[in-house]
Amino acid sequence: MDSRAVTAVNTAMGVASYLDGIAERKRANDVRRLCRSNTSYRARLSTLHQDNMQLRARVAELEAKHV
């Protein structure tokens, strides 16, 4: 994750802790769930991007051989 994403997740986790402190457990758990989901989506997108770039490089390599 880039630094902005890390900052956003850390801030959200701080908000979740604050919500726990004022007895808003359900909302705190909702915030934590969103953070986990967001982090999971970012990791998956990063993997897909890397796979895409590898495939593009392979296609370019094969096209260069057939020209």
N, C-alpha and C. Protein backbone atom coordinates (compact mmCIF):
# COMPACT_ATOMS: atom_id res chain seq x y z
N MET A 1 0.85 -1.18 0.00
CA MET A 1 0.00 0.00 0.00
C MET A 1 0.89 1.24 0.00
N ASP A 2 0.39 2.28 -0.62
CA ASP A 2 1.14 3.52 -0.59
C ASP A 2 0.93 4.22 0.76
N SER A 3 1.70 5.26 0.99
CA SER A 3 1.68 5.90 2.31
C SER A 3 0.32 6.52 2.64
N ARG A 4 -0.39 7.03 1.64
CA ARG A 4 -1.72 7.60 1.92
C ARG A 4 -2.70 6.54 2.38
N ALA A 5 -2.62 5.37 1.76
CA ALA A 5 -3.51 4.27 2.15
C ALA A 5 -3.19 3.79 3.56
N VAL A 6 -1.91 3.70 3.87
CA VAL A 6 -1.51 3.28 5.22
C VAL A 6 -2.00 4.29 6.25
N THR A 7 -1.86 5.57 5.94
CA THR A 7 -2.32 6.62 6.85
C THR A 7 -3.82 6.53 7.05
N ALA A 8 -4.56 6.31 5.97
CA ALA A 8 -6.01 6.22 6.07
C ALA A 8 -6.43 5.02 6.92
N VAL A 9 -5.79 3.88 6.72
CA VAL A 9 -6.13 2.69 7.51
C VAL A 9 -5.78 2.92 8.98
N ASN A 10 -4.61 3.50 9.23
CA ASN A 10 -4.22 3.77 10.63
C ASN A 10 -5.18 4.75 11.30
N THR A 11 -5.61 5.76 10.58
CA THR A 11 -6.57 6.73 11.12
C THR A 11 -7.90 6.03 11.42
N ALA A 12 -8.35 5.20 10.49
CA ALA A 12 -9.61 4.48 10.70
C ALA A 12 -9.51 3.55 11.89
N MET A 13 -8.38 2.89 12.05
CA MET A 13 -8.21 2.01 13.21
C MET A 13 -8.21 2.81 14.51
N GLY A 14 -7.67 4.02 14.47
CA GLY A 14 -7.74 4.91 15.63
C GLY A 14 -9.17 5.29 15.95
N VAL A 15 -9.94 5.56 14.92
CA VAL A 15 -11.37 5.87 15.11
C VAL A 15 -12.09 4.67 15.72
N ALA A 16 -11.75 3.47 15.25
CA ALA A 16 -12.36 2.26 15.81
C ALA A 16 -12.04 2.12 17.29
N SER A 17 -10.80 2.41 17.66
CA SER A 17 -10.43 2.35 19.08
C SER A 17 -11.20 3.39 19.88
N TYR A 18 -11.35 4.58 19.34
CA TYR A 18 -12.12 5.62 20.01
C TYR A 18 -13.57 5.17 20.20
N LEU A 19 -14.15 4.59 19.15
CA LEU A 19 -15.53 4.11 19.24
C LEU A 19 -15.67 3.02 20.30
N ASP A 20 -14.66 2.16 20.40
CA ASP A 20 -14.66 1.15 21.47
C ASP A 20 -14.68 1.83 22.83
N GLY A 21 -13.89 2.89 22.95
CA GLY A 21 -13.78 3.62 24.22
C GLY A 21 -15.08 4.27 24.66
N ILE A 22 -15.93 4.62 23.71
CA ILE A 22 -17.20 5.25 24.09
C ILE A 22 -18.36 4.26 23.95
N ALA A 23 -18.03 2.97 23.99
CA ALA A 23 -19.00 1.88 24.01
C ALA A 23 -19.83 1.78 22.72
N GLU A 24 -19.22 2.11 21.60
CA GLU A 24 -19.87 1.95 20.29
C GLU A 24 -19.23 0.75 19.59
N ARG A 25 -19.37 -0.43 20.20
CA ARG A 25 -18.69 -1.64 19.72
C ARG A 25 -19.11 -2.03 18.29
N LYS A 26 -20.39 -1.94 18.01
CA LYS A 26 -20.86 -2.33 16.67
C LYS A 26 -20.24 -1.44 15.60
N ARG A 27 -20.24 -0.16 15.83
CA ARG A 27 -19.65 0.76 14.85
C ARG A 27 -18.14 0.55 14.75
N ALA A 28 -17.50 0.29 15.88
CA ALA A 28 -16.05 0.03 15.87
C ALA A 28 -15.76 -1.21 15.03
N ASN A 29 -16.55 -2.25 15.21
CA ASN A 29 -16.34 -3.48 14.43
C ASN A 29 -16.63 -3.25 12.96
N ASP A 30 -17.60 -2.41 12.65
CA ASP A 30 -17.89 -2.07 11.24
C ASP A 30 -16.68 -1.39 10.60
N VAL A 31 -16.08 -0.45 11.33
CA VAL A 31 -14.90 0.26 10.82
C VAL A 31 -13.76 -0.72 10.59
N ARG A 32 -13.53 -1.61 11.55
CA ARG A 32 -12.45 -2.60 11.41
C ARG A 32 -12.70 -3.52 10.21
N ARG A 33 -13.94 -3.92 10.03
CA ARG A 33 -14.30 -4.78 8.90
C ARG A 33 -14.01 -4.07 7.57
N LEU A 34 -14.36 -2.80 7.50
CA LEU A 34 -14.07 -2.02 6.29
C LEU A 34 -12.57 -1.92 6.03
N CYS A 35 -11.80 -1.74 7.08
CA CYS A 35 -10.34 -1.66 6.93
C CYS A 35 -9.78 -2.97 6.38
N ARG A 36 -10.22 -4.08 6.93
CA ARG A 36 -9.75 -5.39 6.45
C ARG A 36 -10.15 -5.61 5.01
N SER A 37 -11.38 -5.25 4.68
CA SER A 37 -11.87 -5.42 3.32
C SER A 37 -11.07 -4.56 2.35
N ASN A 38 -10.85 -3.31 2.71
CA ASN A 38 -10.09 -2.38 1.88
C ASN A 38 -8.68 -2.90 1.65
N THR A 39 -8.03 -3.38 2.71
CA THR A 39 -6.67 -3.89 2.60
C THR A 39 -6.64 -5.12 1.70
N SER A 40 -7.63 -5.97 1.84
CA SER A 40 -7.71 -7.17 1.01
C SER A 40 -7.89 -6.81 -0.46
N TYR A 41 -8.78 -5.88 -0.75
CA TYR A 41 -8.99 -5.45 -2.14
C TYR A 41 -7.72 -4.84 -2.73
N ARG A 42 -7.03 -4.03 -1.96
CA ARG A 42 -5.79 -3.42 -2.45
C ARG A 42 -4.73 -4.47 -2.77
N ALA A 43 -4.61 -5.46 -1.90
CA ALA A 43 -3.63 -6.53 -2.13
C ALA A 43 -3.98 -7.30 -3.40
N ARG A 44 -5.25 -7.61 -3.59
CA ARG A 44 -5.69 -8.35 -4.77
C ARG A 44 -5.46 -7.52 -6.04
N LEU A 45 -5.78 -6.23 -5.99
CA LEU A 45 -5.55 -5.37 -7.16
C LEU A 45 -4.07 -5.28 -7.50
N SER A 46 -3.24 -5.22 -6.50
CA SER A 46 -1.80 -5.17 -6.73
C SER A 46 -1.32 -6.44 -7.43
N THR A 47 -1.80 -7.57 -6.97
CA THR A 47 -1.44 -8.85 -7.59
C THR A 47 -1.92 -8.91 -9.03
N LEU A 48 -3.14 -8.49 -9.27
CA LEU A 48 -3.68 -8.49 -10.64
C LEU A 48 -2.88 -7.55 -11.54
N HIS A 49 -2.48 -6.41 -11.03
CA HIS A 49 -1.68 -5.45 -11.80
C HIS A 49 -0.34 -6.08 -12.19
N GLN A 50 0.30 -6.74 -11.24
CA GLN A 50 1.58 -7.39 -11.54
C GLN A 50 1.41 -8.48 -12.60
N ASP A 51 0.36 -9.29 -12.46
CA ASP A 51 0.09 -10.33 -13.45
C ASP A 51 -0.15 -9.72 -14.83
N ASN A 52 -0.90 -8.64 -14.87
CA ASN A 52 -1.19 -7.96 -16.13
C ASN A 52 0.09 -7.46 -16.79
N MET A 53 0.97 -6.86 -16.01
CA MET A 53 2.21 -6.35 -16.57
C MET A 53 3.09 -7.49 -17.09
N GLN A 54 3.12 -8.61 -16.39
CA GLN A 54 3.89 -9.76 -16.86
C GLN A 54 3.31 -10.31 -18.17
N LEU A 55 2.00 -10.37 -18.25
CA LEU A 55 1.37 -10.84 -19.48
C LEU A 55 1.64 -9.91 -20.65
N ARG A 56 1.59 -8.62 -20.40
CA ARG A 56 1.87 -7.64 -21.47
C ARG A 56 3.31 -7.79 -21.97
N ALA A 57 4.23 -7.99 -21.03
CA ALA A 57 5.63 -8.16 -21.41
C ALA A 57 5.79 -9.43 -22.24
N ARG A 58 5.13 -10.48 -21.85
CA ARG A 58 5.21 -11.75 -22.59
C ARG A 58 4.61 -11.60 -23.99
N VAL A 59 3.48 -10.93 -24.12
CA VAL A 59 2.85 -10.70 -25.42
C VAL A 59 3.79 -9.88 -26.31
N ALA A 60 4.40 -8.85 -25.76
CA ALA A 60 5.32 -8.02 -26.54
C ALA A 60 6.52 -8.85 -27.00
N GLU A 61 7.00 -9.72 -26.13
CA GLU A 61 8.12 -10.59 -26.49
C GLU A 61 7.73 -11.53 -27.63
N LEU A 62 6.56 -12.13 -27.54
CA LEU A 62 6.11 -13.06 -28.58
C LEU A 62 5.85 -12.32 -29.90
N GLU A 63 5.28 -11.12 -29.83
CA GLU A 63 5.06 -10.35 -31.04
C GLU A 63 6.36 -9.97 -31.71
N ALA A 64 7.38 -9.66 -30.92
CA ALA A 64 8.68 -9.30 -31.48
C ALA A 64 9.32 -10.49 -32.21
N LYS A 65 9.07 -11.68 -31.72
CA LYS A 65 9.63 -12.88 -32.37
C LYS A 65 8.94 -13.18 -33.69
N HIS A 66 7.67 -12.82 -33.81
CA HIS A 66 6.90 -13.16 -35.00
C HIS A 66 6.86 -12.04 -36.04
N VAL A 67 7.58 -11.00 -35.83
CA VAL A 67 7.58 -9.88 -36.79
C VAL A 67 8.70 -10.01 -37.77
